[in-house]
Amino acid sequence: RVVSAEVRQPNGQYVAIDPNATYTVATNNFVRQGGDGYSAMRDRAIDPYDYGEPLEDVVAAYINGHSPLRVQLDGRITSR
């Protein structure tokens, strides 16, 4: 569960997301098409720009080109 999210300003400071603002978001085709319940990404996008290969193809190509993978955590995600 996400407990907070902030947006980086041009001056480098982070501020809370404004529920009345419009933001540009980059995501993968799965989420963009409403996957995992993100229907707003599918139904309410303003000027969506869908470009590139599907996520499953990109991930498969990466794994094929970088095997064996070395997976490690970088500490950005924490739980309470």
C-alpha atoms as a PDB file:
ATOM      1  CA  ARG A   1       0.000   0.000   0.000  1.00  0.00           C
ATOM      2  CA  VAL A   2       1.311   3.446  -0.883  1.00  0.00           C
ATOM      3  CA  VAL A   3       1.250   5.711   2.171  1.00  0.00           C
ATOM      4  CA  SER A   4       2.684   8.860   0.595  1.00  0.00           C
ATOM      5  CA  ALA A   5       3.795  10.191  -2.766  1.00  0.00           C
ATOM      6  CA  GLU A   6       5.452  13.447  -3.747  1.00  0.00           C
ATOM      7  CA  VAL A   7       6.303  15.265  -6.953  1.00  0.00           C
ATOM      8  CA  ARG A   8       9.721  16.736  -7.675  1.00  0.00           C
ATOM      9  CA  GLN A   9       9.582  20.414  -8.575  1.00  0.00           C
ATOM     10  CA  PRO A  10      11.949  22.103 -11.080  1.00  0.00           C
ATOM     11  CA  ASN A  11      13.910  23.538  -8.131  1.00  0.00           C
ATOM     12  CA  GLY A  12      14.574  20.007  -6.833  1.00  0.00           C
ATOM     13  CA  GLN A  13      12.202  20.177  -3.877  1.00  0.00           C
ATOM     14  CA  TYR A  14       9.490  17.581  -3.357  1.00  0.00           C
ATOM     15  CA  VAL A  15       5.875  18.546  -2.626  1.00  0.00           C
ATOM     16  CA  ALA A  16       2.693  16.576  -2.012  1.00  0.00           C
ATOM     17  CA  ILE A  17       0.653  15.566  -5.030  1.00  0.00           C
ATOM     18  CA  ASP A  18      -2.083  18.092  -5.783  1.00  0.00           C
ATOM     19  CA  PRO A  19      -5.366  16.240  -6.388  1.00  0.00           C
ATOM     20  CA  ASN A  20      -6.532  19.100  -8.642  1.00  0.00           C
ATOM     21  CA  ALA A  21      -3.423  19.157 -10.844  1.00  0.00           C
ATOM     22  CA  THR A  22      -2.772  17.295 -14.089  1.00  0.00           C
ATOM     23  CA  TYR A  23       0.486  15.319 -14.300  1.00  0.00           C
ATOM     24  CA  THR A  24       2.424  13.619 -17.058  1.00  0.00           C
ATOM     25  CA  VAL A  25       3.057   9.984 -16.203  1.00  0.00           C
ATOM     26  CA  ALA A  26       5.258   7.382 -17.861  1.00  0.00           C
ATOM     27  CA  THR A  27       4.207   3.767 -17.420  1.00  0.00           C
ATOM     28  CA  ASN A  28       4.222   0.441 -19.197  1.00  0.00           C
ATOM     29  CA  ASN A  29       1.547  -0.823 -21.587  1.00  0.00           C
ATOM     30  CA  PHE A  30       0.058  -3.188 -18.988  1.00  0.00           C
ATOM     31  CA  VAL A  31      -0.815  -0.412 -16.533  1.00  0.00           C
ATOM     32  CA  ARG A  32      -1.683   2.024 -19.344  1.00  0.00           C
ATOM     33  CA  GLN A  33      -4.310  -0.438 -20.599  1.00  0.00           C
ATOM     34  CA  GLY A  34      -5.916  -0.735 -17.148  1.00  0.00           C
ATOM     35  CA  GLY A  35      -3.967  -3.691 -15.760  1.00  0.00           C
ATOM     36  CA  ASP A  36      -3.980  -4.390 -12.016  1.00  0.00           C
ATOM     37  CA  GLY A  37      -7.139  -2.323 -11.667  1.00  0.00           C
ATOM     38  CA  TYR A  38      -5.672   0.960 -12.932  1.00  0.00           C
ATOM     39  CA  SER A  39      -8.787   1.717 -14.967  1.00  0.00           C
ATOM     40  CA  ALA A  40      -8.165   5.478 -14.677  1.00  0.00           C
ATOM     41  CA  MET A  41      -5.015   5.030 -16.745  1.00  0.00           C
ATOM     42  CA  ARG A  42      -7.124   3.405 -19.462  1.00  0.00           C
ATOM     43  CA  ASP A  43     -10.302   5.449 -19.190  1.00  0.00           C
ATOM     44  CA  ARG A  44      -9.216   8.937 -18.140  1.00  0.00           C
ATOM     45  CA  ALA A  45      -5.852   9.513 -19.825  1.00  0.00           C
ATOM     46  CA  ILE A  46      -5.535  12.870 -21.562  1.00  0.00           C
ATOM     47  CA  ASP A  47      -3.685  12.607 -24.873  1.00  0.00           C
ATOM     48  CA  PRO A  48      -2.201   9.153 -24.187  1.00  0.00           C
ATOM     49  CA  TYR A  49       0.912   8.392 -26.192  1.00  0.00           C
ATOM     50  CA  ASP A  50       1.416   4.678 -26.530  1.00  0.00           C
ATOM     51  CA  TYR A  51       4.771   3.817 -28.020  1.00  0.00           C
ATOM     52  CA  GLY A  52       7.210   0.970 -27.962  1.00  0.00           C
ATOM     53  CA  GLU A  53       7.154  -2.758 -27.487  1.00  0.00           C
ATOM     54  CA  PRO A  54       4.876  -4.477 -24.962  1.00  0.00           C
ATOM     55  CA  LEU A  55       6.368  -4.877 -21.484  1.00  0.00           C
ATOM     56  CA  GLU A  56       6.515  -8.680 -21.665  1.00  0.00           C
ATOM     57  CA  ASP A  57       8.660  -8.492 -24.825  1.00  0.00           C
ATOM     58  CA  VAL A  58      11.038  -5.925 -23.311  1.00  0.00           C
ATOM     59  CA  VAL A  59      11.463  -7.951 -20.099  1.00  0.00           C
ATOM     60  CA  ALA A  60      12.045 -11.201 -22.022  1.00  0.00           C
ATOM     61  CA  ALA A  61      14.663  -9.525 -24.239  1.00  0.00           C
ATOM     62  CA  TYR A  62      16.444  -8.069 -21.198  1.00  0.00           C
ATOM     63  CA  ILE A  63      16.547 -11.413 -19.411  1.00  0.00           C
ATOM     64  CA  ASN A  64      17.796 -13.149 -22.537  1.00  0.00           C
ATOM     65  CA  GLY A  65      20.522 -10.546 -22.978  1.00  0.00           C
ATOM     66  CA  HIS A  66      21.653 -10.379 -19.334  1.00  0.00           C
ATOM     67  CA  SER A  67      21.385 -13.935 -18.030  1.00  0.00           C
ATOM     68  CA  PRO A  68      22.156 -15.054 -15.482  1.00  0.00           C
ATOM     69  CA  LEU A  69      20.538 -12.159 -13.612  1.00  0.00           C
ATOM     70  CA  ARG A  70      22.000 -10.871 -10.344  1.00  0.00           C
ATOM     71  CA  VAL A  71      19.076  -9.595  -8.289  1.00  0.00           C
ATOM     72  CA  GLN A  72      19.548  -7.419  -5.228  1.00  0.00           C
ATOM     73  CA  LEU A  73      17.513  -4.957  -3.187  1.00  0.00           C
ATOM     74  CA  ASP A  74      18.558  -1.300  -3.187  1.00  0.00           C
ATOM     75  CA  GLY A  75      16.673  -0.227  -0.041  1.00  0.00           C
ATOM     76  CA  ARG A  76      14.148   2.156  -1.654  1.00  0.00           C
ATOM     77  CA  ILE A  77      11.093   0.160  -0.580  1.00  0.00           C
ATOM     78  CA  THR A  78      10.399  -0.291   3.122  1.00  0.00           C
ATOM     79  CA  SER A  79       7.568  -1.759   5.132  1.00  0.00           C
ATOM     80  CA  ARG A  80       6.137  -0.543   8.414  1.00  0.00           C
END
